[in-house]
Each structure stands twice: as C-alpha cells, then as structure tokens.
Amino acid sequence: MSRPSPFGHPFLLGFDEIEQALDRVAKAAGDGYPPYNIERLVRTEREPERLRITLAVAGFTREQLDVTLEESQLIVRGRQTDDKSRTFLHRGIAARQFQRAFLLADGMEVLGADLSNGLLSIDLARPEPERIVRRIDIASRETD
C-alpha cells in the first residue's frame, strides 16, 4: 500500500523536490554513526546567526575526513584503514568508514570546518530571506 503524499493537495504546486528530499532523509536516518549535534549560534555584532553541526569522529585524522558540498547536500565521509603492522590481543575499536549527509536549504552557506579533540565542527550561515512582492499584470484577451 502506498502512503498518501502530504504534497498531493491541489494548492501545493511544484513541491516534488521537497517530497523527494524528505524520502532521502527518511532513508538515511537509520544509521546512528557517527553521533552528531546541531546547534543554533546566536547573532553577534561580528557574525550572523549560524548553525553548527558537530560530529564525534574520535580516532579519525584530518586526512581521513572529507567534507564536500554536492548540490544541496553537505556530505561528511570518514575513511580508516587497518594498520597491518599492528597485532591486537583484543580489538574493540574497529577501523571503520562512514558517510553522513545533511540536506541544506537553498542559499545555505558553508562557512568552514574545524577538527578539535575528536569533534568535527562545520559552521553554516542561514541567509536572511528577502521579502519580494511583485505585481502581476492581468492581460485582457478579446474574443472575436
């Protein structure tokens, strides 16, 4: 049975991309690694309101992490490889890989990323929406 779309109402036109984005987010929500926080940083005199994504990436070096912006997705990847020169008597910390994607709204700007004490922080700027009011002329069509 298919679920009804919340965007199927006749007054909601052109929201197909939002529906597809929600489907993508729902599929990706199942993986809990690495854990992350998203916080709002208030506006200051020097900086606009920002969002900060902080991922717990203990054990990863800067070279093993990759942060990219692909269209409207912020993608964070981590790649670790096994060190074959080491012999473990017990191994509770596995070398792992991960990919975590965040869907960004149009106009969101990635300000930068920082790795400190096993936490990767990525700052985003939320643009101030510009209010646009435009008058639409009504044409008159004469019939013969």
N, C-alpha and C. Protein backbone atom coordinates (compact mmCIF):
# COMPACT_ATOMS: atom_id res chain seq x y z
N MET A 1 0.84 -1.17 0.00
CA MET A 1 0.00 0.00 0.00
C MET A 1 0.90 1.24 0.00
N SER A 2 0.60 2.18 -0.85
CA SER A 2 1.40 3.40 -0.91
C SER A 2 0.84 4.43 0.07
N ARG A 3 1.73 5.22 0.62
CA ARG A 3 1.29 6.23 1.57
C ARG A 3 0.87 7.48 0.81
N PRO A 4 -0.14 8.17 1.32
CA PRO A 4 -0.55 9.40 0.64
C PRO A 4 0.51 10.49 0.83
N SER A 5 0.70 11.27 -0.20
CA SER A 5 1.69 12.33 -0.15
C SER A 5 1.10 13.57 0.52
N PRO A 6 1.86 14.19 1.44
CA PRO A 6 1.36 15.43 2.02
C PRO A 6 1.36 16.57 1.00
N PHE A 7 2.06 16.36 -0.11
CA PHE A 7 2.14 17.39 -1.15
C PHE A 7 1.18 17.13 -2.29
N GLY A 8 0.20 16.24 -2.09
CA GLY A 8 -0.75 15.90 -3.13
C GLY A 8 -1.92 16.85 -3.22
N HIS A 9 -1.98 17.83 -2.34
CA HIS A 9 -3.08 18.78 -2.35
C HIS A 9 -2.98 19.67 -3.60
N PRO A 10 -4.09 19.99 -4.23
CA PRO A 10 -4.04 20.78 -5.46
C PRO A 10 -3.50 22.20 -5.29
N PHE A 11 -3.46 22.74 -4.07
CA PHE A 11 -2.91 24.07 -3.86
C PHE A 11 -1.40 24.07 -3.71
N LEU A 12 -0.79 22.91 -3.54
CA LEU A 12 0.66 22.81 -3.38
C LEU A 12 1.27 22.40 -4.71
N LEU A 13 1.77 23.37 -5.43
CA LEU A 13 2.31 23.13 -6.77
C LEU A 13 3.82 23.27 -6.76
N GLY A 14 4.52 22.34 -7.39
CA GLY A 14 5.97 22.43 -7.55
C GLY A 14 6.76 21.98 -6.34
N PHE A 15 6.17 21.18 -5.46
CA PHE A 15 6.87 20.73 -4.26
C PHE A 15 7.43 19.32 -4.42
N ASP A 16 7.57 18.84 -5.65
CA ASP A 16 8.07 17.48 -5.89
C ASP A 16 9.46 17.28 -5.30
N GLU A 17 10.33 18.29 -5.44
CA GLU A 17 11.70 18.16 -4.93
C GLU A 17 11.73 18.04 -3.42
N ILE A 18 10.84 18.74 -2.74
CA ILE A 18 10.78 18.65 -1.28
C ILE A 18 10.36 17.25 -0.86
N GLU A 19 9.39 16.70 -1.56
CA GLU A 19 8.94 15.34 -1.24
C GLU A 19 10.07 14.33 -1.46
N GLN A 20 10.81 14.48 -2.53
CA GLN A 20 11.95 13.59 -2.78
C GLN A 20 13.02 13.76 -1.71
N ALA A 21 13.27 14.99 -1.28
CA ALA A 21 14.26 15.24 -0.24
C ALA A 21 13.82 14.59 1.08
N LEU A 22 12.56 14.68 1.42
CA LEU A 22 12.06 14.04 2.64
C LEU A 22 12.22 12.52 2.57
N ASP A 23 11.99 11.94 1.42
CA ASP A 23 12.19 10.50 1.26
C ASP A 23 13.65 10.13 1.47
N ARG A 24 14.58 10.94 0.91
CA ARG A 24 16.02 10.67 1.08
C ARG A 24 16.42 10.76 2.55
N VAL A 25 15.92 11.77 3.23
CA VAL A 25 16.25 11.96 4.63
C VAL A 25 15.73 10.79 5.47
N ALA A 26 14.52 10.34 5.18
CA ALA A 26 13.93 9.23 5.94
C ALA A 26 14.75 7.96 5.76
N LYS A 27 15.28 7.72 4.58
CA LYS A 27 16.09 6.52 4.33
C LYS A 27 17.43 6.59 5.04
N ALA A 28 18.02 7.79 5.14
CA ALA A 28 19.34 7.95 5.74
C ALA A 28 19.30 8.06 7.26
N ALA A 29 18.13 8.21 7.85
CA ALA A 29 18.03 8.46 9.28
C ALA A 29 18.33 7.23 10.13
N GLY A 30 18.38 6.05 9.55
CA GLY A 30 18.56 4.83 10.32
C GLY A 30 19.96 4.63 10.89
N ASP A 31 20.98 5.17 10.24
CA ASP A 31 22.36 4.96 10.68
C ASP A 31 22.72 5.97 11.76
N GLY A 32 23.18 5.49 12.91
CA GLY A 32 23.48 6.38 14.02
C GLY A 32 24.94 6.73 14.18
N TYR A 33 25.80 6.32 13.25
CA TYR A 33 27.23 6.59 13.39
C TYR A 33 27.70 7.54 12.33
N PRO A 34 28.48 8.50 12.63
CA PRO A 34 28.86 8.94 13.97
C PRO A 34 27.77 9.80 14.58
N PRO A 35 27.71 9.84 15.92
CA PRO A 35 26.72 10.71 16.54
C PRO A 35 27.04 12.18 16.25
N TYR A 36 26.01 13.00 16.26
CA TYR A 36 26.22 14.42 15.93
C TYR A 36 25.25 15.30 16.69
N ASN A 37 25.59 16.57 16.78
CA ASN A 37 24.73 17.62 17.33
C ASN A 37 24.54 18.68 16.26
N ILE A 38 23.41 19.36 16.33
CA ILE A 38 23.18 20.55 15.50
C ILE A 38 22.73 21.63 16.47
N GLU A 39 23.44 22.74 16.47
CA GLU A 39 23.09 23.83 17.38
C GLU A 39 22.97 25.15 16.64
N ARG A 40 22.17 26.02 17.21
CA ARG A 40 22.00 27.37 16.66
C ARG A 40 22.91 28.30 17.44
N LEU A 41 23.74 29.05 16.73
CA LEU A 41 24.62 30.05 17.34
C LEU A 41 24.00 31.41 17.08
N VAL A 42 23.75 32.15 18.14
CA VAL A 42 23.04 33.42 18.02
C VAL A 42 23.89 34.47 17.29
N ARG A 43 23.20 35.40 16.73
CA ARG A 43 23.84 36.51 16.01
C ARG A 43 24.64 37.35 16.99
N THR A 44 25.83 37.75 16.56
CA THR A 44 26.64 38.68 17.35
C THR A 44 26.87 39.92 16.50
N GLU A 45 27.60 40.88 17.05
CA GLU A 45 27.89 42.08 16.28
C GLU A 45 28.75 41.78 15.07
N ARG A 46 29.60 40.75 15.19
CA ARG A 46 30.53 40.44 14.11
C ARG A 46 30.07 39.30 13.20
N GLU A 47 29.14 38.46 13.66
CA GLU A 47 28.77 37.29 12.87
C GLU A 47 27.25 37.15 12.82
N PRO A 48 26.75 36.63 11.68
CA PRO A 48 25.30 36.41 11.56
C PRO A 48 24.89 35.17 12.35
N GLU A 49 23.59 34.94 12.45
CA GLU A 49 23.12 33.70 13.06
C GLU A 49 23.67 32.53 12.24
N ARG A 50 24.14 31.52 12.96
CA ARG A 50 24.74 30.37 12.29
C ARG A 50 24.19 29.08 12.86
N LEU A 51 24.39 28.02 12.10
CA LEU A 51 24.13 26.67 12.58
C LEU A 51 25.48 25.96 12.64
N ARG A 52 25.67 25.12 13.65
CA ARG A 52 26.90 24.36 13.77
C ARG A 52 26.55 22.88 13.89
N ILE A 53 27.11 22.09 12.98
CA ILE A 53 26.98 20.63 13.04
C ILE A 53 28.28 20.13 13.65
N THR A 54 28.18 19.34 14.73
CA THR A 54 29.35 18.77 15.39
C THR A 54 29.22 17.26 15.37
N LEU A 55 30.21 16.60 14.75
CA LEU A 55 30.22 15.14 14.67
C LEU A 55 31.33 14.59 15.57
N ALA A 56 31.04 13.51 16.28
CA ALA A 56 32.03 12.84 17.13
C ALA A 56 32.82 11.88 16.25
N VAL A 57 34.05 12.26 15.92
CA VAL A 57 34.88 11.47 15.00
C VAL A 57 36.21 11.09 15.66
N ALA A 58 36.14 10.69 16.92
CA ALA A 58 37.36 10.30 17.65
C ALA A 58 38.07 9.19 16.89
N GLY A 59 39.39 9.31 16.79
CA GLY A 59 40.19 8.31 16.10
C GLY A 59 40.45 8.62 14.64
N PHE A 60 39.75 9.60 14.08
CA PHE A 60 39.96 10.00 12.69
C PHE A 60 40.90 11.20 12.64
N THR A 61 41.84 11.18 11.71
CA THR A 61 42.70 12.33 11.49
C THR A 61 42.05 13.24 10.44
N ARG A 62 42.58 14.42 10.30
CA ARG A 62 42.07 15.36 9.29
C ARG A 62 42.16 14.76 7.89
N GLU A 63 43.22 14.01 7.63
CA GLU A 63 43.42 13.41 6.31
C GLU A 63 42.41 12.30 6.03
N GLN A 64 41.84 11.71 7.07
CA GLN A 64 40.88 10.62 6.90
C GLN A 64 39.44 11.11 6.78
N LEU A 65 39.24 12.42 6.90
CA LEU A 65 37.91 13.01 6.83
C LEU A 65 37.79 13.85 5.56
N ASP A 66 36.59 13.85 5.01
CA ASP A 66 36.32 14.60 3.79
C ASP A 66 34.96 15.27 3.94
N VAL A 67 34.91 16.58 3.76
CA VAL A 67 33.66 17.33 3.82
C VAL A 67 33.44 17.95 2.45
N THR A 68 32.32 17.62 1.81
CA THR A 68 32.04 18.15 0.48
C THR A 68 30.61 18.67 0.42
N LEU A 69 30.40 19.58 -0.49
CA LEU A 69 29.07 20.10 -0.77
C LEU A 69 28.72 19.66 -2.18
N GLU A 70 27.74 18.78 -2.29
CA GLU A 70 27.32 18.25 -3.59
C GLU A 70 25.88 18.67 -3.81
N GLU A 71 25.71 19.63 -4.72
CA GLU A 71 24.42 20.26 -4.96
C GLU A 71 23.89 20.80 -3.64
N SER A 72 22.82 20.28 -3.09
CA SER A 72 22.29 20.82 -1.84
C SER A 72 22.57 19.91 -0.66
N GLN A 73 23.51 18.98 -0.81
CA GLN A 73 23.84 18.07 0.28
C GLN A 73 25.24 18.33 0.81
N LEU A 74 25.34 18.45 2.12
CA LEU A 74 26.62 18.51 2.80
C LEU A 74 26.95 17.07 3.18
N ILE A 75 28.05 16.55 2.66
CA ILE A 75 28.40 15.14 2.88
C ILE A 75 29.72 15.07 3.63
N VAL A 76 29.70 14.34 4.75
CA VAL A 76 30.89 14.12 5.56
C VAL A 76 31.24 12.65 5.46
N ARG A 77 32.47 12.37 5.04
CA ARG A 77 32.93 10.98 4.91
C ARG A 77 34.17 10.77 5.77
N GLY A 78 34.24 9.61 6.36
CA GLY A 78 35.42 9.22 7.12
C GLY A 78 35.90 7.86 6.63
N ARG A 79 37.22 7.76 6.40
CA ARG A 79 37.79 6.51 5.90
C ARG A 79 39.01 6.15 6.74
N GLN A 80 38.93 5.02 7.41
CA GLN A 80 40.07 4.49 8.15
C GLN A 80 40.43 3.14 7.54
N THR A 81 41.71 2.83 7.55
CA THR A 81 42.15 1.53 7.06
C THR A 81 42.87 0.80 8.18
N ASP A 82 42.84 -0.52 8.12
CA ASP A 82 43.53 -1.33 9.12
C ASP A 82 45.03 -1.18 8.97
N ASP A 83 45.70 -1.03 10.09
CA ASP A 83 47.16 -0.98 10.11
C ASP A 83 47.66 -2.41 10.26
N LYS A 84 48.14 -2.98 9.18
CA LYS A 84 48.55 -4.39 9.15
C LYS A 84 49.80 -4.65 9.98
N SER A 85 50.53 -3.61 10.36
CA SER A 85 51.76 -3.79 11.13
C SER A 85 51.48 -3.99 12.62
N ARG A 86 50.23 -3.82 13.05
CA ARG A 86 49.88 -3.93 14.47
C ARG A 86 49.22 -5.27 14.75
N THR A 87 49.54 -5.86 15.90
CA THR A 87 48.92 -7.11 16.33
C THR A 87 48.11 -6.82 17.59
N PHE A 88 46.82 -7.08 17.53
CA PHE A 88 45.93 -6.80 18.64
C PHE A 88 45.66 -8.07 19.44
N LEU A 89 45.72 -7.99 20.77
CA LEU A 89 45.28 -9.07 21.63
C LEU A 89 43.77 -8.99 21.83
N HIS A 90 43.26 -7.77 21.83
CA HIS A 90 41.82 -7.52 21.85
C HIS A 90 41.57 -6.30 20.98
N ARG A 91 40.53 -6.37 20.18
CA ARG A 91 40.21 -5.22 19.32
C ARG A 91 38.77 -4.81 19.52
N GLY A 92 38.56 -3.74 20.26
CA GLY A 92 37.23 -3.22 20.50
C GLY A 92 36.95 -1.95 19.71
N ILE A 93 38.02 -1.38 19.13
CA ILE A 93 37.87 -0.17 18.32
C ILE A 93 38.19 -0.56 16.89
N ALA A 94 37.17 -0.67 16.10
CA ALA A 94 37.35 -1.09 14.71
C ALA A 94 37.69 0.09 13.82
N ALA A 95 38.50 -0.16 12.80
CA ALA A 95 38.70 0.85 11.75
C ALA A 95 37.42 0.84 10.92
N ARG A 96 36.79 1.98 10.80
CA ARG A 96 35.52 1.99 10.09
C ARG A 96 35.45 3.15 9.11
N GLN A 97 34.45 3.05 8.29
CA GLN A 97 34.15 4.11 7.34
C GLN A 97 32.74 4.59 7.63
N PHE A 98 32.48 5.84 7.28
CA PHE A 98 31.12 6.35 7.42
C PHE A 98 30.86 7.41 6.38
N GLN A 99 29.60 7.63 6.16
CA GLN A 99 29.15 8.76 5.35
C GLN A 99 27.89 9.30 6.00
N ARG A 100 27.88 10.58 6.25
CA ARG A 100 26.74 11.25 6.86
C ARG A 100 26.37 12.42 5.94
N ALA A 101 25.11 12.50 5.53
CA ALA A 101 24.67 13.56 4.62
C ALA A 101 23.62 14.43 5.30
N PHE A 102 23.72 15.73 5.07
CA PHE A 102 22.77 16.71 5.58
C PHE A 102 22.22 17.47 4.38
N LEU A 103 20.93 17.52 4.25
CA LEU A 103 20.28 18.23 3.16
C LEU A 103 20.13 19.69 3.56
N LEU A 104 20.69 20.59 2.76
CA LEU A 104 20.68 22.02 3.08
C LEU A 104 19.62 22.75 2.26
N ALA A 105 19.00 23.72 2.87
CA ALA A 105 18.03 24.55 2.16
C ALA A 105 18.77 25.43 1.16
N ASP A 106 18.05 25.88 0.15
CA ASP A 106 18.64 26.78 -0.84
C ASP A 106 19.21 28.00 -0.14
N GLY A 107 20.40 28.39 -0.56
CA GLY A 107 21.03 29.59 -0.03
C GLY A 107 21.90 29.36 1.19
N MET A 108 21.83 28.18 1.82
CA MET A 108 22.68 27.91 2.98
C MET A 108 24.13 27.95 2.53
N GLU A 109 24.97 28.56 3.35
CA GLU A 109 26.38 28.72 3.02
C GLU A 109 27.23 28.00 4.05
N VAL A 110 28.17 27.19 3.57
CA VAL A 110 29.10 26.51 4.46
C VAL A 110 30.27 27.46 4.72
N LEU A 111 30.44 27.84 5.99
CA LEU A 111 31.48 28.81 6.35
C LEU A 111 32.84 28.16 6.56
N GLY A 112 32.86 26.91 7.03
CA GLY A 112 34.13 26.25 7.28
C GLY A 112 33.96 25.07 8.20
N ALA A 113 35.07 24.32 8.38
CA ALA A 113 35.07 23.14 9.24
C ALA A 113 36.32 23.16 10.10
N ASP A 114 36.21 22.55 11.30
CA ASP A 114 37.30 22.54 12.25
C ASP A 114 37.30 21.20 12.98
N LEU A 115 38.49 20.61 13.15
CA LEU A 115 38.63 19.35 13.88
C LEU A 115 39.43 19.62 15.14
N SER A 116 38.82 19.33 16.30
CA SER A 116 39.49 19.59 17.57
C SER A 116 39.00 18.58 18.60
N ASN A 117 39.94 17.89 19.26
CA ASN A 117 39.62 16.95 20.33
C ASN A 117 38.61 15.88 19.91
N GLY A 118 38.74 15.38 18.68
CA GLY A 118 37.85 14.32 18.21
C GLY A 118 36.47 14.78 17.78
N LEU A 119 36.26 16.10 17.70
CA LEU A 119 34.98 16.64 17.25
C LEU A 119 35.19 17.46 15.98
N LEU A 120 34.44 17.12 14.96
CA LEU A 120 34.45 17.86 13.70
C LEU A 120 33.27 18.82 13.72
N SER A 121 33.56 20.12 13.66
CA SER A 121 32.51 21.13 13.66
C SER A 121 32.45 21.80 12.30
N ILE A 122 31.24 21.94 11.78
CA ILE A 122 31.01 22.58 10.48
C ILE A 122 30.01 23.70 10.72
N ASP A 123 30.41 24.93 10.36
CA ASP A 123 29.54 26.09 10.55
C ASP A 123 28.83 26.44 9.25
N LEU A 124 27.56 26.74 9.38
CA LEU A 124 26.72 27.11 8.24
C LEU A 124 26.07 28.46 8.53
N ALA A 125 25.92 29.27 7.50
CA ALA A 125 25.20 30.54 7.65
C ALA A 125 23.83 30.40 7.02
N ARG A 126 22.86 30.85 7.77
CA ARG A 126 21.50 30.83 7.26
C ARG A 126 21.22 32.21 6.68
N PRO A 127 20.91 32.29 5.40
CA PRO A 127 20.70 33.60 4.80
C PRO A 127 19.41 34.25 5.30
N GLU A 128 19.44 35.56 5.36
CA GLU A 128 18.23 36.30 5.70
C GLU A 128 17.32 36.28 4.48
N PRO A 129 16.10 35.79 4.65
CA PRO A 129 15.20 35.75 3.48
C PRO A 129 14.83 37.16 3.05
N GLU A 130 14.83 37.34 1.75
CA GLU A 130 14.48 38.64 1.19
C GLU A 130 13.00 38.61 0.82
N ARG A 131 12.27 39.56 1.33
CA ARG A 131 10.85 39.60 1.04
C ARG A 131 10.64 40.28 -0.30
N ILE A 132 10.03 39.54 -1.20
CA ILE A 132 9.80 40.06 -2.55
C ILE A 132 8.30 40.11 -2.80
N VAL A 133 7.84 41.27 -3.18
CA VAL A 133 6.44 41.44 -3.58
C VAL A 133 6.47 41.93 -5.02
N ARG A 134 5.80 41.22 -5.88
CA ARG A 134 5.79 41.56 -7.30
C ARG A 134 4.36 41.61 -7.80
N ARG A 135 4.03 42.67 -8.46
CA ARG A 135 2.68 42.81 -9.02
C ARG A 135 2.64 42.10 -10.37
N ILE A 136 1.60 41.32 -10.57
CA ILE A 136 1.42 40.59 -11.82
C ILE A 136 0.33 41.31 -12.61
N ASP A 137 0.69 41.78 -13.80
CA ASP A 137 -0.28 42.44 -14.66
C ASP A 137 -1.27 41.41 -15.21
N ILE A 138 -2.51 41.84 -15.31
CA ILE A 138 -3.56 40.97 -15.85
C ILE A 138 -3.83 41.41 -17.27
N ALA A 139 -3.63 40.48 -18.18
CA ALA A 139 -3.87 40.78 -19.61
C ALA A 139 -5.35 40.62 -19.92
N SER A 140 -5.78 41.35 -20.90
CA SER A 140 -7.16 41.27 -21.35
C SER A 140 -7.17 40.62 -22.72
N ARG A 141 -7.90 39.54 -22.85
CA ARG A 141 -7.98 38.84 -24.14
C ARG A 141 -9.37 39.08 -24.72
N GLU A 142 -9.37 39.66 -25.88
CA GLU A 142 -10.63 39.93 -26.56
C GLU A 142 -10.93 38.76 -27.49
N THR A 143 -12.17 38.33 -27.49
CA THR A 143 -12.58 37.24 -28.41
C THR A 143 -13.33 37.85 -29.57
N ASP A 144 -13.15 37.25 -30.74
CA ASP A 144 -13.83 37.75 -31.95
C ASP A 144 -15.20 37.21 -32.11
